[in-house]
Amino acid sequence: MSKEIKEEPKLPPPITQAFNFASSMAKFVKSGLKFTSKAVYSNRLAMCTYCDKLRHSDGRCSECGCYVEAKAEISSEACPLGKWPAVKEGKTLRRVGKKVGTGKAVGSEVKKGKCGSCNRKRK
């Protein structure tokens, strides 16, 4: 009994992946940073799971090069094969505008002293 090892599909060229990512992020920002509901996300992932373009080793779509778990979460995204559409409604990310590591919102008043993330003196 020999098991057939199915070769995973190849990803698009790096320049295509970079273009797809930049386009996706532009649409995401234009949409107001909206994410899908849990139900839409689950349905999208279910469709991707059985798609022959899914690379199971890294969870990426061989058609566009995206990580399907991330792409399925963004409401402005659609499957490049037409298996699921973009949706207009969605939830906005509530943490937008926070600086990583500080917990302070961008534009909030910053006290003089040392920076919490890099320990440099503030002006």
PDB file of N, CA and C in Angstrom:
ATOM      1  N   MET A   1       0.827  -1.187   0.000  1.00  0.00           N
ATOM      2  CA  MET A   1       0.000   0.000   0.000  1.00  0.00           C
ATOM      3  C   MET A   1       0.872   1.251   0.000  1.00  0.00           C
ATOM      4  N   SER A   2       0.779   1.989  -1.017  1.00  0.00           N
ATOM      5  CA  SER A   2       1.537   3.240  -1.061  1.00  0.00           C
ATOM      6  C   SER A   2       0.579   4.414  -1.026  1.00  0.00           C
ATOM      7  N   LYS A   3       0.951   5.369  -0.239  1.00  0.00           N
ATOM      8  CA  LYS A   3       0.137   6.586  -0.149  1.00  0.00           C
ATOM      9  C   LYS A   3       0.632   7.581  -1.176  1.00  0.00           C
ATOM     10  N   GLU A   4      -0.309   8.183  -1.869  1.00  0.00           N
ATOM     11  CA  GLU A   4       0.064   9.223  -2.820  1.00  0.00           C
ATOM     12  C   GLU A   4       0.262  10.526  -2.072  1.00  0.00           C
ATOM     13  N   ILE A   5       1.379  11.152  -2.304  1.00  0.00           N
ATOM     14  CA  ILE A   5       1.642  12.447  -1.691  1.00  0.00           C
ATOM     15  C   ILE A   5       1.284  13.506  -2.723  1.00  0.00           C
ATOM     16  N   LYS A   6       0.267  14.268  -2.371  1.00  0.00           N
ATOM     17  CA  LYS A   6      -0.199  15.307  -3.285  1.00  0.00           C
ATOM     18  C   LYS A   6       0.657  16.556  -3.093  1.00  0.00           C
ATOM     19  N   GLU A   7       1.210  17.040  -4.187  1.00  0.00           N
ATOM     20  CA  GLU A   7       2.031  18.252  -4.128  1.00  0.00           C
ATOM     21  C   GLU A   7       1.126  19.471  -3.966  1.00  0.00           C
ATOM     22  N   GLU A   8       1.533  20.348  -3.068  1.00  0.00           N
ATOM     23  CA  GLU A   8       0.730  21.554  -2.835  1.00  0.00           C
ATOM     24  C   GLU A   8       0.875  22.525  -3.997  1.00  0.00           C
ATOM     25  N   PRO A   9      -0.193  23.281  -4.251  1.00  0.00           N
ATOM     26  CA  PRO A   9      -0.106  24.263  -5.334  1.00  0.00           C
ATOM     27  C   PRO A   9       0.910  25.358  -5.003  1.00  0.00           C
ATOM     28  N   LYS A  10       1.504  25.903  -6.036  1.00  0.00           N
ATOM     29  CA  LYS A  10       2.507  26.966  -5.856  1.00  0.00           C
ATOM     30  C   LYS A  10       1.825  28.309  -5.633  1.00  0.00           C
ATOM     31  N   LEU A  11       2.523  29.169  -4.915  1.00  0.00           N
ATOM     32  CA  LEU A  11       2.033  30.527  -4.680  1.00  0.00           C
ATOM     33  C   LEU A  11       2.316  31.398  -5.897  1.00  0.00           C
ATOM     34  N   PRO A  12       1.579  32.492  -6.048  1.00  0.00           N
ATOM     35  CA  PRO A  12       1.900  33.427  -7.140  1.00  0.00           C
ATOM     36  C   PRO A  12       3.272  34.073  -6.899  1.00  0.00           C
ATOM     37  N   PRO A  13       3.842  34.703  -7.903  1.00  0.00           N
ATOM     38  CA  PRO A  13       5.143  35.365  -7.725  1.00  0.00           C
ATOM     39  C   PRO A  13       5.076  36.412  -6.595  1.00  0.00           C
ATOM     40  N   PRO A  14       6.193  36.662  -5.914  1.00  0.00           N
ATOM     41  CA  PRO A  14       6.212  37.625  -4.810  1.00  0.00           C
ATOM     42  C   PRO A  14       5.679  39.011  -5.172  1.00  0.00           C
ATOM     43  N   ILE A  15       5.940  39.490  -6.366  1.00  0.00           N
ATOM     44  CA  ILE A  15       5.459  40.817  -6.755  1.00  0.00           C
ATOM     45  C   ILE A  15       3.929  40.820  -6.836  1.00  0.00           C
ATOM     46  N   THR A  16       3.336  39.727  -7.294  1.00  0.00           N
ATOM     47  CA  THR A  16       1.875  39.608  -7.354  1.00  0.00           C
ATOM     48  C   THR A  16       1.297  39.576  -5.941  1.00  0.00           C
ATOM     49  N   GLN A  17       1.957  38.833  -5.055  1.00  0.00           N
ATOM     50  CA  GLN A  17       1.503  38.767  -3.662  1.00  0.00           C
ATOM     51  C   GLN A  17       1.569  40.146  -3.010  1.00  0.00           C
ATOM     52  N   ALA A  18       2.635  40.882  -3.266  1.00  0.00           N
ATOM     53  CA  ALA A  18       2.788  42.225  -2.691  1.00  0.00           C
ATOM     54  C   ALA A  18       1.697  43.156  -3.214  1.00  0.00           C
ATOM     55  N   PHE A  19       1.411  43.086  -4.503  1.00  0.00           N
ATOM     56  CA  PHE A  19       0.350  43.907  -5.084  1.00  0.00           C
ATOM     57  C   PHE A  19      -1.009  43.540  -4.478  1.00  0.00           C
ATOM     58  N   ASN A  20      -1.284  42.229  -4.355  1.00  0.00           N
ATOM     59  CA  ASN A  20      -2.550  41.775  -3.774  1.00  0.00           C
ATOM     60  C   ASN A  20      -2.693  42.262  -2.332  1.00  0.00           C
ATOM     61  N   PHE A  21      -1.613  42.187  -1.571  1.00  0.00           N
ATOM     62  CA  PHE A  21      -1.654  42.634  -0.179  1.00  0.00           C
ATOM     63  C   PHE A  21      -1.910  44.141  -0.097  1.00  0.00           C
ATOM     64  N   ALA A  22      -1.194  44.915  -0.903  1.00  0.00           N
ATOM     65  CA  ALA A  22      -1.373  46.371  -0.892  1.00  0.00           C
ATOM     66  C   ALA A  22      -2.799  46.747  -1.303  1.00  0.00           C
ATOM     67  N   SER A  23      -3.335  46.083  -2.310  1.00  0.00           N
ATOM     68  CA  SER A  23      -4.714  46.349  -2.745  1.00  0.00           C
ATOM     69  C   SER A  23      -5.708  46.003  -1.649  1.00  0.00           C
ATOM     70  N   SER A  24      -5.485  44.878  -0.989  1.00  0.00           N
ATOM     71  CA  SER A  24      -6.368  44.456   0.098  1.00  0.00           C
ATOM     72  C   SER A  24      -6.363  45.460   1.240  1.00  0.00           C
ATOM     73  N   MET A  25      -5.182  45.925   1.609  1.00  0.00           N
ATOM     74  CA  MET A  25      -5.085  46.869   2.722  1.00  0.00           C
ATOM     75  C   MET A  25      -5.709  48.216   2.359  1.00  0.00           C
ATOM     76  N   ALA A  26      -5.577  48.635   1.107  1.00  0.00           N
ATOM     77  CA  ALA A  26      -6.202  49.887   0.666  1.00  0.00           C
ATOM     78  C   ALA A  26      -7.729  49.777   0.746  1.00  0.00           C
ATOM     79  N   LYS A  27      -8.281  48.639   0.295  1.00  0.00           N
ATOM     80  CA  LYS A  27      -9.732  48.430   0.380  1.00  0.00           C
ATOM     81  C   LYS A  27     -10.184  48.361   1.840  1.00  0.00           C
ATOM     82  N   PHE A  28      -9.380  47.727   2.678  1.00  0.00           N
ATOM     83  CA  PHE A  28      -9.697  47.579   4.098  1.00  0.00           C
ATOM     84  C   PHE A  28      -9.775  48.944   4.780  1.00  0.00           C
ATOM     85  N   VAL A  29      -8.809  49.795   4.511  1.00  0.00           N
ATOM     86  CA  VAL A  29      -8.808  51.145   5.090  1.00  0.00           C
ATOM     87  C   VAL A  29      -9.987  51.946   4.538  1.00  0.00           C
ATOM     88  N   LYS A  30     -10.211  51.853   3.237  1.00  0.00           N
ATOM     89  CA  LYS A  30     -11.322  52.583   2.611  1.00  0.00           C
ATOM     90  C   LYS A  30     -12.676  52.145   3.175  1.00  0.00           C
ATOM     91  N   SER A  31     -12.783  50.866   3.575  1.00  0.00           N
ATOM     92  CA  SER A  31     -14.043  50.348   4.123  1.00  0.00           C
ATOM     93  C   SER A  31     -14.291  50.801   5.551  1.00  0.00           C
ATOM     94  N   GLY A  32     -13.304  51.442   6.158  1.00  0.00           N
ATOM     95  CA  GLY A  32     -13.451  51.858   7.553  1.00  0.00           C
ATOM     96  C   GLY A  32     -12.945  50.807   8.517  1.00  0.00           C
ATOM     97  N   LEU A  33     -12.048  49.943   8.052  1.00  0.00           N
ATOM     98  CA  LEU A  33     -11.441  48.886   8.871  1.00  0.00           C
ATOM     99  C   LEU A  33     -12.494  47.947   9.450  1.00  0.00           C
ATOM    100  N   LYS A  34     -13.375  47.465   8.587  1.00  0.00           N
ATOM    101  CA  LYS A  34     -14.474  46.608   9.042  1.00  0.00           C
ATOM    102  C   LYS A  34     -14.135  45.126   8.907  1.00  0.00           C
ATOM    103  N   PHE A  35     -14.508  44.386   9.943  1.00  0.00           N
ATOM    104  CA  PHE A  35     -14.325  42.945   9.978  1.00  0.00           C
ATOM    105  C   PHE A  35     -15.676  42.252   9.833  1.00  0.00           C
ATOM    106  N   THR A  36     -15.656  40.997   9.435  1.00  0.00           N
ATOM    107  CA  THR A  36     -16.882  40.222   9.279  1.00  0.00           C
ATOM    108  C   THR A  36     -17.398  39.748  10.632  1.00  0.00           C
ATOM    109  N   SER A  37     -18.647  39.308  10.637  1.00  0.00           N
ATOM    110  CA  SER A  37     -19.212  38.686  11.831  1.00  0.00           C
ATOM    111  C   SER A  37     -18.593  37.290  11.966  1.00  0.00           C
ATOM    112  N   LYS A  38     -18.768  36.685  13.123  1.00  0.00           N
ATOM    113  CA  LYS A  38     -18.233  35.335  13.344  1.00  0.00           C
ATOM    114  C   LYS A  38     -18.860  34.329  12.389  1.00  0.00           C
ATOM    115  N   ALA A  39     -20.151  34.500  12.095  1.00  0.00           N
ATOM    116  CA  ALA A  39     -20.849  33.576  11.194  1.00  0.00           C
ATOM    117  C   ALA A  39     -20.288  33.657   9.772  1.00  0.00           C
ATOM    118  N   VAL A  40     -20.089  34.870   9.273  1.00  0.00           N
ATOM    119  CA  VAL A  40     -19.538  35.055   7.917  1.00  0.00           C
ATOM    120  C   VAL A  40     -18.115  34.506   7.866  1.00  0.00           C
ATOM    121  N   TYR A  41     -17.342  34.799   8.892  1.00  0.00           N
ATOM    122  CA  TYR A  41     -15.958  34.312   8.974  1.00  0.00           C
ATOM    123  C   TYR A  41     -15.933  32.779   8.924  1.00  0.00           C
ATOM    124  N   SER A  42     -16.767  32.133   9.715  1.00  0.00           N
ATOM    125  CA  SER A  42     -16.816  30.664   9.752  1.00  0.00           C
ATOM    126  C   SER A  42     -17.218  30.085   8.398  1.00  0.00           C
ATOM    127  N   ASN A  43     -18.212  30.694   7.753  1.00  0.00           N
ATOM    128  CA  ASN A  43     -18.643  30.227   6.436  1.00  0.00           C
ATOM    129  C   ASN A  43     -17.532  30.372   5.400  1.00  0.00           C
ATOM    130  N   ARG A  44     -16.846  31.490   5.431  1.00  0.00           N
ATOM    131  CA  ARG A  44     -15.745  31.706   4.486  1.00  0.00           C
ATOM    132  C   ARG A  44     -14.647  30.665   4.685  1.00  0.00           C
ATOM    133  N   LEU A  45     -14.270  30.435   5.939  1.00  0.00           N
ATOM    134  CA  LEU A  45     -13.226  29.454   6.210  1.00  0.00           C
ATOM    135  C   LEU A  45     -13.640  28.048   5.803  1.00  0.00           C
ATOM    136  N   ALA A  46     -14.911  27.725   6.011  1.00  0.00           N
ATOM    137  CA  ALA A  46     -15.407  26.402   5.621  1.00  0.00           C
ATOM    138  C   ALA A  46     -15.255  26.200   4.114  1.00  0.00           C
ATOM    139  N   MET A  47     -15.560  27.234   3.342  1.00  0.00           N
ATOM    140  CA  MET A  47     -15.420  27.132   1.881  1.00  0.00           C
ATOM    141  C   MET A  47     -13.951  26.987   1.486  1.00  0.00           C
ATOM    142  N   CYS A  48     -13.081  27.712   2.169  1.00  0.00           N
ATOM    143  CA  CYS A  48     -11.650  27.636   1.856  1.00  0.00           C
ATOM    144  C   CYS A  48     -11.058  26.279   2.224  1.00  0.00           C
ATOM    145  N   THR A  49     -11.551  25.689   3.292  1.00  0.00           N
ATOM    146  CA  THR A  49     -11.005  24.422   3.775  1.00  0.00           C
ATOM    147  C   THR A  49     -11.058  23.327   2.718  1.00  0.00           C
ATOM    148  N   TYR A  50     -12.134  23.304   1.922  1.00  0.00           N
ATOM    149  CA  TYR A  50     -12.295  22.258   0.920  1.00  0.00           C
ATOM    150  C   TYR A  50     -11.860  22.678  -0.478  1.00  0.00           C
ATOM    151  N   CYS A  51     -11.287  23.853  -0.590  1.00  0.00           N
ATOM    152  CA  CYS A  51     -10.837  24.354  -1.895  1.00  0.00           C
ATOM    153  C   CYS A  51      -9.498  23.716  -2.265  1.00  0.00           C
ATOM    154  N   ASP A  52      -9.360  23.342  -3.534  1.00  0.00           N
ATOM    155  CA  ASP A  52      -8.107  22.728  -3.982  1.00  0.00           C
ATOM    156  C   ASP A  52      -6.965  23.742  -4.107  1.00  0.00           C
ATOM    157  N   LYS A  53      -7.255  25.027  -3.972  1.00  0.00           N
ATOM    158  CA  LYS A  53      -6.217  26.066  -4.024  1.00  0.00           C
ATOM    159  C   LYS A  53      -5.604  26.359  -2.651  1.00  0.00           C
ATOM    160  N   LEU A  54      -6.187  25.784  -1.578  1.00  0.00           N
ATOM    161  CA  LEU A  54      -5.661  26.018  -0.236  1.00  0.00           C
ATOM    162  C   LEU A  54      -4.403  25.191  -0.010  1.00  0.00           C
ATOM    163  N   ARG A  55      -3.384  25.853   0.460  1.00  0.00           N
ATOM    164  CA  ARG A  55      -2.148  25.175   0.859  1.00  0.00           C
ATOM    165  C   ARG A  55      -2.287  24.854   2.350  1.00  0.00           C
ATOM    166  N   HIS A  56      -2.494  23.607   2.668  1.00  0.00           N
ATOM    167  CA  HIS A  56      -2.744  23.212   4.049  1.00  0.00           C
ATOM    168  C   HIS A  56      -1.505  23.358   4.935  1.00  0.00           C
ATOM    169  N   SER A  57      -0.330  23.355   4.356  1.00  0.00           N
ATOM    170  CA  SER A  57       0.897  23.462   5.154  1.00  0.00           C
ATOM    171  C   SER A  57       1.044  24.830   5.816  1.00  0.00           C
ATOM    172  N   ASP A  58       0.598  25.892   5.140  1.00  0.00           N
ATOM    173  CA  ASP A  58       0.750  27.233   5.706  1.00  0.00           C
ATOM    174  C   ASP A  58      -0.543  28.043   5.727  1.00  0.00           C
ATOM    175  N   GLY A  59      -1.657  27.448   5.295  1.00  0.00           N
ATOM    176  CA  GLY A  59      -2.950  28.129   5.350  1.00  0.00           C
ATOM    177  C   GLY A  59      -3.096  29.268   4.364  1.00  0.00           C
ATOM    178  N   ARG A  60      -2.376  29.193   3.255  1.00  0.00           N
ATOM    179  CA  ARG A  60      -2.432  30.263   2.256  1.00  0.00           C
ATOM    180  C   ARG A  60      -3.162  29.810   1.005  1.00  0.00           C
ATOM    181  N   CYS A  61      -3.772  30.773   0.342  1.00  0.00           N
ATOM    182  CA  CYS A  61      -4.455  30.535  -0.922  1.00  0.00           C
ATOM    183  C   CYS A  61      -3.420  30.620  -2.045  1.00  0.00           C
ATOM    184  N   SER A  62      -3.366  29.599  -2.878  1.00  0.00           N
ATOM    185  CA  SER A  62      -2.376  29.622  -3.961  1.00  0.00           C
ATOM    186  C   SER A  62      -2.813  30.505  -5.125  1.00  0.00           C
ATOM    187  N   GLU A  63      -4.044  30.954  -5.119  1.00  0.00           N
ATOM    188  CA  GLU A  63      -4.533  31.843  -6.173  1.00  0.00           C
ATOM    189  C   GLU A  63      -4.044  33.280  -5.957  1.00  0.00           C
ATOM    190  N   CYS A  64      -4.149  33.769  -4.715  1.00  0.00           N
ATOM    191  CA  CYS A  64      -3.777  35.158  -4.425  1.00  0.00           C
ATOM    192  C   CYS A  64      -2.558  35.280  -3.504  1.00  0.00           C
ATOM    193  N   GLY A  65      -2.248  34.212  -2.762  1.00  0.00           N
ATOM    194  CA  GLY A  65      -1.106  34.231  -1.850  1.00  0.00           C
ATOM    195  C   GLY A  65      -1.446  34.675  -0.436  1.00  0.00           C
ATOM    196  N   CYS A  66      -2.718  34.993  -0.182  1.00  0.00           N
ATOM    197  CA  CYS A  66      -3.128  35.484   1.142  1.00  0.00           C
ATOM    198  C   CYS A  66      -3.255  34.350   2.151  1.00  0.00           C
ATOM    199  N   TYR A  67      -3.107  34.713   3.416  1.00  0.00           N
ATOM    200  CA  TYR A  67      -3.411  33.789   4.502  1.00  0.00           C
ATOM    201  C   TYR A  67      -4.926  33.808   4.646  1.00  0.00           C
ATOM    202  N   VAL A  68      -5.568  32.662   4.421  1.00  0.00           N
ATOM    203  CA  VAL A  68      -7.027  32.646   4.347  1.00  0.00           C
ATOM    204  C   VAL A  68      -7.698  33.027   5.661  1.00  0.00           C
ATOM    205  N   GLU A  69      -7.099  32.693   6.799  1.00  0.00           N
ATOM    206  CA  GLU A  69      -7.705  33.066   8.077  1.00  0.00           C
ATOM    207  C   GLU A  69      -7.768  34.582   8.242  1.00  0.00           C
ATOM    208  N   ALA A  70      -6.761  35.277   7.764  1.00  0.00           N
ATOM    209  CA  ALA A  70      -6.751  36.741   7.849  1.00  0.00           C
ATOM    210  C   ALA A  70      -7.690  37.347   6.812  1.00  0.00           C
ATOM    211  N   LYS A  71      -7.636  36.838   5.594  1.00  0.00           N
ATOM    212  CA  LYS A  71      -8.463  37.394   4.518  1.00  0.00           C
ATOM    213  C   LYS A  71      -9.946  37.190   4.794  1.00  0.00           C
ATOM    214  N   ALA A  72     -10.314  36.045   5.356  1.00  0.00           N
ATOM    215  CA  ALA A  72     -11.719  35.739   5.633  1.00  0.00           C
ATOM    216  C   ALA A  72     -12.314  36.663   6.685  1.00  0.00           C
ATOM    217  N   GLU A  73     -11.468  37.268   7.501  1.00  0.00           N
ATOM    218  CA  GLU A  73     -11.928  38.163   8.563  1.00  0.00           C
ATOM    219  C   GLU A  73     -12.266  39.566   8.079  1.00  0.00           C
ATOM    220  N   ILE A  74     -11.727  39.964   6.952  1.00  0.00           N
ATOM    221  CA  ILE A  74     -11.881  41.333   6.456  1.00  0.00           C
ATOM    222  C   ILE A  74     -13.103  41.416   5.546  1.00  0.00           C
ATOM    223  N   SER A  75     -14.059  42.257   5.929  1.00  0.00           N
ATOM    224  CA  SER A  75     -15.335  42.306   5.204  1.00  0.00           C
ATOM    225  C   SER A  75     -15.200  42.798   3.761  1.00  0.00           C
ATOM    226  N   SER A  76     -14.230  43.628   3.469  1.00  0.00           N
ATOM    227  CA  SER A  76     -14.077  44.163   2.109  1.00  0.00           C
ATOM    228  C   SER A  76     -13.402  43.181   1.154  1.00  0.00           C
ATOM    229  N   GLU A  77     -12.952  42.044   1.656  1.00  0.00           N
ATOM    230  CA  GLU A  77     -12.267  41.051   0.824  1.00  0.00           C
ATOM    231  C   GLU A  77     -13.241  40.053   0.222  1.00  0.00           C
ATOM    232  N   ALA A  78     -12.881  39.538  -0.947  1.00  0.00           N
ATOM    233  CA  ALA A  78     -13.654  38.507  -1.632  1.00  0.00           C
ATOM    234  C   ALA A  78     -12.704  37.417  -2.097  1.00  0.00           C
ATOM    235  N   CYS A  79     -13.220  36.212  -2.238  1.00  0.00           N
ATOM    236  CA  CYS A  79     -12.413  35.102  -2.743  1.00  0.00           C
ATOM    237  C   CYS A  79     -12.052  35.392  -4.205  1.00  0.00           C
ATOM    238  N   PRO A  80     -10.789  35.202  -4.588  1.00  0.00           N
ATOM    239  CA  PRO A  80     -10.410  35.465  -5.976  1.00  0.00           C
ATOM    240  C   PRO A  80     -11.058  34.497  -6.968  1.00  0.00           C
ATOM    241  N   LEU A  81     -11.594  33.389  -6.473  1.00  0.00           N
ATOM    242  CA  LEU A  81     -12.268  32.417  -7.332  1.00  0.00           C
ATOM    243  C   LEU A  81     -13.782  32.593  -7.322  1.00  0.00           C
ATOM    244  N   GLY A  82     -14.271  33.596  -6.570  1.00  0.00           N
ATOM    245  CA  GLY A  82     -15.694  33.882  -6.517  1.00  0.00           C
ATOM    246  C   GLY A  82     -16.487  32.973  -5.580  1.00  0.00           C
ATOM    247  N   LYS A  83     -15.813  32.283  -4.669  1.00  0.00           N
ATOM    248  CA  LYS A  83     -16.511  31.365  -3.765  1.00  0.00           C
ATOM    249  C   LYS A  83     -17.218  32.088  -2.627  1.00  0.00           C
ATOM    250  N   TRP A  84     -16.752  33.269  -2.258  1.00  0.00           N
ATOM    251  CA  TRP A  84     -17.450  34.113  -1.276  1.00  0.00           C
ATOM    252  C   TRP A  84     -17.194  35.575  -1.601  1.00  0.00           C
ATOM    253  N   PRO A  85     -18.244  36.403  -1.440  1.00  0.00           N
ATOM    254  CA  PRO A  85     -18.146  37.820  -1.829  1.00  0.00           C
ATOM    255  C   PRO A  85     -17.690  38.713  -0.680  1.00  0.00           C
ATOM    256  N   ALA A  86     -17.366  39.937  -1.022  1.00  0.00           N
ATOM    257  CA  ALA A  86     -17.120  40.966  -0.012  1.00  0.00           C
ATOM    258  C   ALA A  86     -18.478  41.343   0.582  1.00  0.00           C
ATOM    259  N   VAL A  87     -18.484  41.786   1.828  1.00  0.00           N
ATOM    260  CA  VAL A  87     -19.721  42.241   2.460  1.00  0.00           C
ATOM    261  C   VAL A  87     -19.554  43.690   2.882  1.00  0.00           C
ATOM    262  N   LYS A  88     -20.645  44.444   2.838  1.00  0.00           N
ATOM    263  CA  LYS A  88     -20.557  45.864   3.167  1.00  0.00           C
ATOM    264  C   LYS A  88     -20.599  46.125   4.664  1.00  0.00           C
ATOM    265  N   GLU A  89     -21.432  45.373   5.387  1.00  0.00           N
ATOM    266  CA  GLU A  89     -21.526  45.618   6.813  1.00  0.00           C
ATOM    267  C   GLU A  89     -20.405  44.860   7.529  1.00  0.00           C
ATOM    268  N   GLY A  90     -20.113  45.319   8.716  1.00  0.00           N
ATOM    269  CA  GLY A  90     -19.075  44.677   9.506  1.00  0.00           C
ATOM    270  C   GLY A  90     -18.797  45.461  10.769  1.00  0.00           C
ATOM    271  N   LYS A  91     -17.948  44.892  11.608  1.00  0.00           N
ATOM    272  CA  LYS A  91     -17.577  45.541  12.861  1.00  0.00           C
ATOM    273  C   LYS A  91     -16.258  46.270  12.673  1.00  0.00           C
ATOM    274  N   THR A  92     -16.160  47.459  13.234  1.00  0.00           N
ATOM    275  CA  THR A  92     -14.934  48.234  13.161  1.00  0.00           C
ATOM    276  C   THR A  92     -14.025  47.820  14.305  1.00  0.00           C
ATOM    277  N   LEU A  93     -12.760  47.735  14.014  1.00  0.00           N
ATOM    278  CA  LEU A  93     -11.770  47.394  15.032  1.00  0.00           C
ATOM    279  C   LEU A  93     -11.738  48.487  16.085  1.00  0.00           C
ATOM    280  N   ARG A  94     -11.902  48.130  17.322  1.00  0.00           N
ATOM    281  CA  ARG A  94     -11.968  49.116  18.403  1.00  0.00           C
ATOM    282  C   ARG A  94     -10.596  49.572  18.874  1.00  0.00           C
ATOM    283  N   ARG A  95      -9.558  48.834  18.569  1.00  0.00           N
ATOM    284  CA  ARG A  95      -8.228  49.190  19.044  1.00  0.00           C
ATOM    285  C   ARG A  95      -7.461  50.085  18.079  1.00  0.00           C
ATOM    286  N   VAL A  96      -8.089  50.525  17.024  1.00  0.00           N
ATOM    287  CA  VAL A  96      -7.411  51.365  16.047  1.00  0.00           C
ATOM    288  C   VAL A  96      -6.952  52.653  16.715  1.00  0.00           C
ATOM    289  N   GLY A  97      -5.741  53.046  16.433  1.00  0.00           N
ATOM    290  CA  GLY A  97      -5.228  54.299  16.962  1.00  0.00           C
ATOM    291  C   GLY A  97      -4.402  54.124  18.219  1.00  0.00           C
ATOM    292  N   LYS A  98      -4.279  52.909  18.729  1.00  0.00           N
ATOM    293  CA  LYS A  98      -3.456  52.722  19.916  1.00  0.00           C
ATOM    294  C   LYS A  98      -2.036  52.399  19.496  1.00  0.00           C
ATOM    295  N   LYS A  99      -1.107  52.915  20.230  1.00  0.00           N
ATOM    296  CA  LYS A  99       0.283  52.616  19.961  1.00  0.00           C
ATOM    297  C   LYS A  99       0.618  51.280  20.601  1.00  0.00           C
ATOM    298  N   VAL A 100       1.319  50.446  19.885  1.00  0.00           N
ATOM    299  CA  VAL A 100       1.691  49.142  20.396  1.00  0.00           C
ATOM    300  C   VAL A 100       2.613  49.306  21.594  1.00  0.00           C
ATOM    301  N   GLY A 101       2.317  48.605  22.655  1.00  0.00           N
ATOM    302  CA  GLY A 101       3.187  48.591  23.827  1.00  0.00           C
ATOM    303  C   GLY A 101       2.918  49.683  24.837  1.00  0.00           C
ATOM    304  N   THR A 102       2.188  50.734  24.478  1.00  0.00           N
ATOM    305  CA  THR A 102       1.976  51.827  25.420  1.00  0.00           C
ATOM    306  C   THR A 102       0.560  51.854  25.955  1.00  0.00           C
ATOM    307  N   GLY A 103      -0.403  51.360  25.184  1.00  0.00           N
ATOM    308  CA  GLY A 103      -1.791  51.407  25.603  1.00  0.00           C
ATOM    309  C   GLY A 103      -2.387  52.799  25.497  1.00  0.00           C
ATOM    310  N   LYS A 104      -1.632  53.763  24.987  1.00  0.00           N
ATOM    311  CA  LYS A 104      -2.115  55.139  24.836  1.00  0.00           C
ATOM    312  C   LYS A 104      -2.619  55.347  23.419  1.00  0.00           C
ATOM    313  N   ALA A 105      -3.743  55.989  23.298  1.00  0.00           N
ATOM    314  CA  ALA A 105      -4.295  56.268  21.975  1.00  0.00           C
ATOM    315  C   ALA A 105      -3.458  57.330  21.280  1.00  0.00           C
ATOM    316  N   VAL A 106      -3.351  57.221  19.973  1.00  0.00           N
ATOM    317  CA  VAL A 106      -2.623  58.201  19.185  1.00  0.00           C
ATOM    318  C   VAL A 106      -3.302  59.550  19.355  1.00  0.00           C
ATOM    319  N   GLY A 107      -2.525  60.569  19.594  1.00  0.00           N
ATOM    320  CA  GLY A 107      -3.071  61.909  19.738  1.00  0.00           C
ATOM    321  C   GLY A 107      -3.456  62.242  21.171  1.00  0.00           C
ATOM    322  N   SER A 108      -3.368  61.266  22.065  1.00  0.00           N
ATOM    323  CA  SER A 108      -3.693  61.567  23.456  1.00  0.00           C
ATOM    324  C   SER A 108      -2.531  62.331  24.080  1.00  0.00           C
ATOM    325  N   GLU A 109      -2.810  62.993  25.161  1.00  0.00           N
ATOM    326  CA  GLU A 109      -1.790  63.804  25.812  1.00  0.00           C
ATOM    327  C   GLU A 109      -0.697  62.897  26.375  1.00  0.00           C
ATOM    328  N   VAL A 110       0.543  63.228  26.084  1.00  0.00           N
ATOM    329  CA  VAL A 110       1.679  62.451  26.566  1.00  0.00           C
ATOM    330  C   VAL A 110       2.417  63.290  27.602  1.00  0.00           C
ATOM    331  N   LYS A 111       2.643  62.698  28.758  1.00  0.00           N
ATOM    332  CA  LYS A 111       3.348  63.409  29.819  1.00  0.00           C
ATOM    333  C   LYS A 111       4.833  63.409  29.546  1.00  0.00           C
ATOM    334  N   LYS A 112       5.514  64.443  30.030  1.00  0.00           N
ATOM    335  CA  LYS A 112       6.961  64.502  29.879  1.00  0.00           C
ATOM    336  C   LYS A 112       7.585  63.480  30.802  1.00  0.00           C
ATOM    337  N   GLY A 113       8.741  63.002  30.435  1.00  0.00           N
ATOM    338  CA  GLY A 113       9.441  61.990  31.221  1.00  0.00           C
ATOM    339  C   GLY A 113      10.042  60.983  30.266  1.00  0.00           C
ATOM    340  N   LYS A 114      10.085  59.731  30.688  1.00  0.00           N
ATOM    341  CA  LYS A 114      10.662  58.691  29.854  1.00  0.00           C
ATOM    342  C   LYS A 114       9.573  57.955  29.087  1.00  0.00           C
ATOM    343  N   CYS A 115       9.917  57.571  27.872  1.00  0.00           N
ATOM    344  CA  CYS A 115       9.009  56.823  27.015  1.00  0.00           C
ATOM    345  C   CYS A 115       8.855  55.414  27.600  1.00  0.00           C
ATOM    346  N   GLY A 116       7.620  54.915  27.637  1.00  0.00           N
ATOM    347  CA  GLY A 116       7.359  53.597  28.213  1.00  0.00           C
ATOM    348  C   GLY A 116       7.872  52.455  27.365  1.00  0.00           C
ATOM    349  N   SER A 117       7.982  52.636  26.051  1.00  0.00           N
ATOM    350  CA  SER A 117       8.391  51.527  25.208  1.00  0.00           C
ATOM    351  C   SER A 117       9.881  51.511  24.892  1.00  0.00           C
ATOM    352  N   CYS A 118      10.534  52.656  24.842  1.00  0.00           N
ATOM    353  CA  CYS A 118      11.960  52.641  24.492  1.00  0.00           C
ATOM    354  C   CYS A 118      12.845  53.244  25.580  1.00  0.00           C
ATOM    355  N   ASN A 119      12.259  53.769  26.632  1.00  0.00           N
ATOM    356  CA  ASN A 119      12.967  54.309  27.793  1.00  0.00           C
ATOM    357  C   ASN A 119      13.817  55.544  27.466  1.00  0.00           C
ATOM    358  N   ARG A 120      13.514  56.229  26.329  1.00  0.00           N
ATOM    359  CA  ARG A 120      14.217  57.465  26.021  1.00  0.00           C
ATOM    360  C   ARG A 120      13.484  58.634  26.642  1.00  0.00           C
ATOM    361  N   LYS A 121      14.200  59.709  26.864  1.00  0.00           N
ATOM    362  CA  LYS A 121      13.605  60.897  27.464  1.00  0.00           C
ATOM    363  C   LYS A 121      12.722  61.617  26.447  1.00  0.00           C
ATOM    364  N   ARG A 122      11.523  61.975  26.875  1.00  0.00           N
ATOM    365  CA  ARG A 122      10.613  62.728  26.007  1.00  0.00           C
ATOM    366  C   ARG A 122      10.937  64.199  26.072  1.00  0.00           C
ATOM    367  N   LYS A 123      10.646  64.910  24.993  1.00  0.00           N
ATOM    368  CA  LYS A 123      10.902  66.347  24.936  1.00  0.00           C
ATOM    369  C   LYS A 123       9.771  67.110  25.537  1.00  0.00           C
TER     370      LYS A 123
END
